[in-house]
Protein backbone atom coordinates (compact mmCIF):
# COMPACT_ATOMS: atom_id res chain seq x y z
CA MET A 1 -3.14 -20.13 8.27
CA LYS A 2 -3.02 -16.39 7.41
CA ARG A 3 -0.09 -16.96 5.02
CA LEU A 4 -1.98 -19.73 3.20
CA VAL A 5 -5.05 -17.51 2.80
CA ASP A 6 -2.90 -14.57 1.64
CA PHE A 7 -1.04 -16.69 -0.92
CA SER A 8 -4.17 -18.41 -2.27
CA LEU A 9 -6.20 -15.21 -2.52
CA ALA A 10 -3.32 -13.27 -4.13
CA LEU A 11 -2.80 -16.02 -6.71
CA LEU A 12 -6.53 -16.17 -7.49
CA LEU A 13 -6.75 -12.38 -7.84
CA MET A 14 -3.66 -12.20 -10.03
CA LEU A 15 -5.13 -14.79 -12.38
CA ALA A 16 -8.60 -13.21 -12.37
CA LEU A 17 -7.20 -9.70 -12.95
CA LEU A 18 -4.54 -10.66 -15.50
CA ILE A 19 -6.23 -8.97 -18.48
CA PRO A 20 -7.11 -5.71 -16.64
CA PHE A 21 -3.59 -5.73 -15.14
CA LEU A 22 -2.03 -6.00 -18.62
CA VAL A 23 -4.32 -3.27 -19.99
CA LEU A 24 -3.34 -0.94 -17.14
CA ALA A 25 0.36 -1.71 -17.69
CA VAL A 26 0.09 -0.80 -21.37
CA MET A 27 -1.88 2.36 -20.53
CA VAL A 28 0.77 3.47 -18.01
CA TRP A 29 3.54 2.84 -20.51
CA LEU A 30 1.77 4.59 -23.42
CA SER A 31 0.64 7.60 -21.37
CA SER A 32 3.94 8.41 -19.69
CA GLY A 33 6.75 6.36 -21.22
CA GLY A 34 9.40 4.89 -18.99
CA PRO A 35 8.88 2.04 -16.57
CA VAL A 36 5.38 0.72 -15.86
CA PHE A 37 6.16 -0.09 -12.22
CA TYR A 38 7.62 1.99 -9.46
CA TRP A 39 9.62 -0.17 -7.05
CA SER A 40 10.06 1.42 -3.66
CA ASP A 41 12.15 0.28 -0.73
CA ARG A 42 9.76 -0.40 2.13
CA ILE A 43 10.09 -1.60 5.69
CA GLY A 44 8.70 -5.06 6.33
CA SER A 45 8.38 -7.38 9.28
CA GLY A 46 11.30 -7.11 11.69
CA ASN A 47 12.29 -3.81 10.02
CA HIS A 48 13.75 -5.65 7.01
CA VAL A 49 13.76 -3.73 3.74
CA PHE A 50 11.90 -5.18 0.76
CA ARG A 51 11.06 -3.87 -2.72
CA MET A 52 7.36 -3.13 -3.23
CA PRO A 53 5.86 -2.54 -6.70
CA LYS A 54 3.10 -0.14 -7.65
CA PHE A 55 1.91 1.07 -11.01
CA ARG A 56 3.89 4.23 -11.63
CA THR A 57 1.74 7.32 -11.01
CA MET A 58 4.50 9.94 -10.70
CA ARG A 59 7.13 11.18 -13.12
CA ALA A 60 10.50 9.45 -12.98
CA ASP A 61 12.19 12.60 -11.56
CA THR A 62 9.91 12.77 -8.48
CA PRO A 63 11.82 13.01 -5.16
CA VAL A 64 11.66 9.83 -3.05
CA LEU A 65 9.34 11.17 -0.34
CA ALA A 66 5.92 10.35 1.01
CA THR A 67 3.41 12.14 -1.23
CA HIS A 68 2.19 14.42 1.57
CA LEU A 69 5.76 15.78 1.95
CA LEU A 70 5.97 17.03 -1.65
CA ASN A 71 5.34 20.77 -2.09
CA ASP A 72 2.85 20.20 -4.93
CA PRO A 73 2.29 16.50 -5.65
CA ALA A 74 0.04 17.29 -8.63
CA LEU A 75 3.07 18.64 -10.51
CA TYR A 76 4.60 15.16 -10.49
CA LEU A 77 1.56 13.10 -11.51
CA THR A 78 1.63 11.25 -14.82
CA PRO A 79 -1.39 11.68 -17.13
CA LEU A 80 -2.94 8.50 -15.70
CA GLY A 81 -1.55 8.92 -12.18
CA GLY A 82 -4.48 10.76 -10.59
CA PHE A 83 -6.97 8.18 -11.80
CA LEU A 84 -4.81 5.26 -10.65
CA ARG A 85 -4.42 6.78 -7.19
CA ARG A 86 -8.08 7.78 -6.75
CA SER A 87 -9.20 4.28 -7.79
CA SER A 88 -6.37 2.58 -5.81
CA LEU A 89 -5.53 0.60 -8.96
CA ASP A 90 -1.90 1.65 -8.52
CA GLU A 91 -1.79 -0.82 -5.61
CA LEU A 92 -2.59 -3.94 -7.69
CA PRO A 93 1.07 -4.93 -8.29
CA GLN A 94 1.43 -5.38 -4.52
CA LEU A 95 -0.28 -8.74 -5.01
CA TRP A 96 3.23 -9.82 -6.06
CA SER A 97 4.58 -8.80 -2.64
CA ILE A 98 1.82 -10.82 -0.99
CA LEU A 99 2.66 -13.87 -3.12
CA LYS A 100 6.34 -13.53 -2.18
CA GLY A 101 5.48 -13.31 1.51
CA ASP A 102 6.77 -9.76 2.03
CA MET A 103 3.24 -8.50 2.68
CA SER A 104 -0.18 -9.67 3.81
CA PHE A 105 -3.59 -8.45 2.72
CA VAL A 106 -4.11 -6.85 6.14
CA GLY A 107 -1.49 -5.27 8.38
CA PRO A 108 0.12 -1.87 8.89
CA ARG A 109 0.95 -0.18 5.58
CA PRO A 110 4.68 -0.58 4.87
CA ALA A 111 6.69 2.53 5.68
CA LEU A 112 9.09 4.05 3.18
CA TYR A 113 12.69 3.30 4.14
CA ASN A 114 13.26 6.99 4.93
CA GLN A 115 10.25 7.47 7.24
CA THR A 116 12.50 7.12 10.27
CA ASP A 117 10.02 8.70 12.70
CA LEU A 118 7.27 6.23 11.73
CA ILE A 119 9.68 3.26 11.83
CA ALA A 120 11.04 4.24 15.26
CA LEU A 121 7.56 4.68 16.75
CA ARG A 122 6.32 1.37 15.34
CA THR A 123 9.45 -0.37 16.68
CA ARG A 124 8.96 1.13 20.13
CA HIS A 125 5.42 -0.31 20.25
CA GLY A 126 6.20 -3.73 18.72
CA VAL A 127 4.26 -3.08 15.51
CA HIS A 128 7.41 -3.72 13.46
CA GLU A 129 6.97 -7.47 14.08
CA LEU A 130 3.75 -7.53 12.03
CA LYS A 131 3.84 -8.25 8.32
CA PRO A 132 2.84 -5.08 6.46
CA GLY A 133 -0.46 -5.09 4.61
CA LEU A 134 -2.07 -3.97 1.41
CA THR A 135 -4.58 -2.37 3.74
CA GLY A 136 -4.85 -1.95 7.47
CA TRP A 137 -6.75 -0.53 10.40
CA ALA A 138 -5.14 2.90 9.94
CA GLN A 139 -6.04 2.81 6.23
CA VAL A 140 -9.75 2.48 6.96
CA ASN A 141 -9.61 5.09 9.72
CA GLY A 142 -8.16 8.01 7.82
CA ARG A 143 -5.49 6.74 5.42
CA ASP A 144 -3.38 9.67 4.18
CA GLU A 145 -4.95 12.25 6.50
CA LEU A 146 -3.62 10.69 9.72
CA SER A 147 -0.64 11.96 11.68
CA ILE A 148 2.19 9.51 12.29
CA ALA A 149 1.26 9.24 15.96
CA GLU A 150 -2.36 8.43 15.08
CA LYS A 151 -1.29 5.82 12.48
CA VAL A 152 0.87 4.10 15.05
CA ARG A 153 -1.90 4.22 17.67
CA LEU A 154 -4.18 2.43 15.20
CA ASP A 155 -1.38 0.00 14.25
CA VAL A 156 -0.97 -0.86 17.94
CA GLU A 157 -4.72 -1.40 18.20
CA TYR A 158 -4.48 -3.78 15.22
CA LEU A 159 -1.56 -5.59 16.87
CA GLN A 160 -3.71 -6.16 19.96
CA ARG A 161 -6.91 -7.11 18.12
CA HIS A 162 -5.81 -8.89 14.95
CA SER A 163 -7.78 -12.01 14.12
CA PRO A 164 -9.37 -13.50 10.99
CA ALA A 165 -12.68 -11.76 11.83
CA PHE A 166 -10.98 -8.39 12.36
CA ASP A 167 -9.02 -8.81 9.11
CA LEU A 168 -12.27 -9.55 7.26
CA LYS A 169 -13.86 -6.42 8.76
CA ILE A 170 -10.87 -4.35 7.57
CA LEU A 171 -11.08 -5.83 4.06
CA VAL A 172 -14.80 -5.00 3.82
CA LEU A 173 -14.21 -1.46 5.12
CA THR A 174 -11.34 -1.05 2.64
CA ALA A 175 -13.57 -2.04 -0.27
CA LEU A 176 -16.14 0.55 0.84
CA LYS A 177 -13.45 3.26 1.18
CA VAL A 178 -12.06 2.48 -2.29
CA VAL A 179 -15.50 2.56 -3.90
CA ARG A 180 -16.25 5.88 -2.17
CA ARG A 181 -12.70 7.15 -2.85
CA GLU A 182 -12.37 8.29 0.76
CA GLY A 183 -9.05 9.36 2.25
CA VAL A 184 -7.03 9.08 -0.96
CA SER A 185 -4.10 11.41 -1.56
CA HIS A 186 -4.24 12.86 -5.07
């Protein structure tokens, strides 16, 4: 049932947002040259690697690290990057990953392939069996400010509590966080 809802909603949103999506793609390309999308290797369900797209917000020469591990992330932002991140519009291409079945709307955020500490902790607690999400319980409870241990604690809580009603609550809380721009790494 969850897969059917994910697929249907992702398809509807992609169609509804086609024009804004194309406008953003052109703006990214014109403002920074190079590729419009950044494809990163992420860890999915069962610890399988998949390629996840985002609108590119960082220069092409940015080291492949979680943003919080960069010495000065602002140095790597493209002219449009800060806005895309603050508004969470950089996440829109992940609708493709939901359509493909690599992701869900709600689940733990997919780890970068090189976040071995996060991957190991999630595996130890069984969280790795969940499909990663566009948003999740950890996202609405601190997002980029959380320690790895706290993210995993919240991921485990989601694993234990996940249900359609809990997913809906997380989606509503996510919308509020995005509108308020809370917990976003610049």
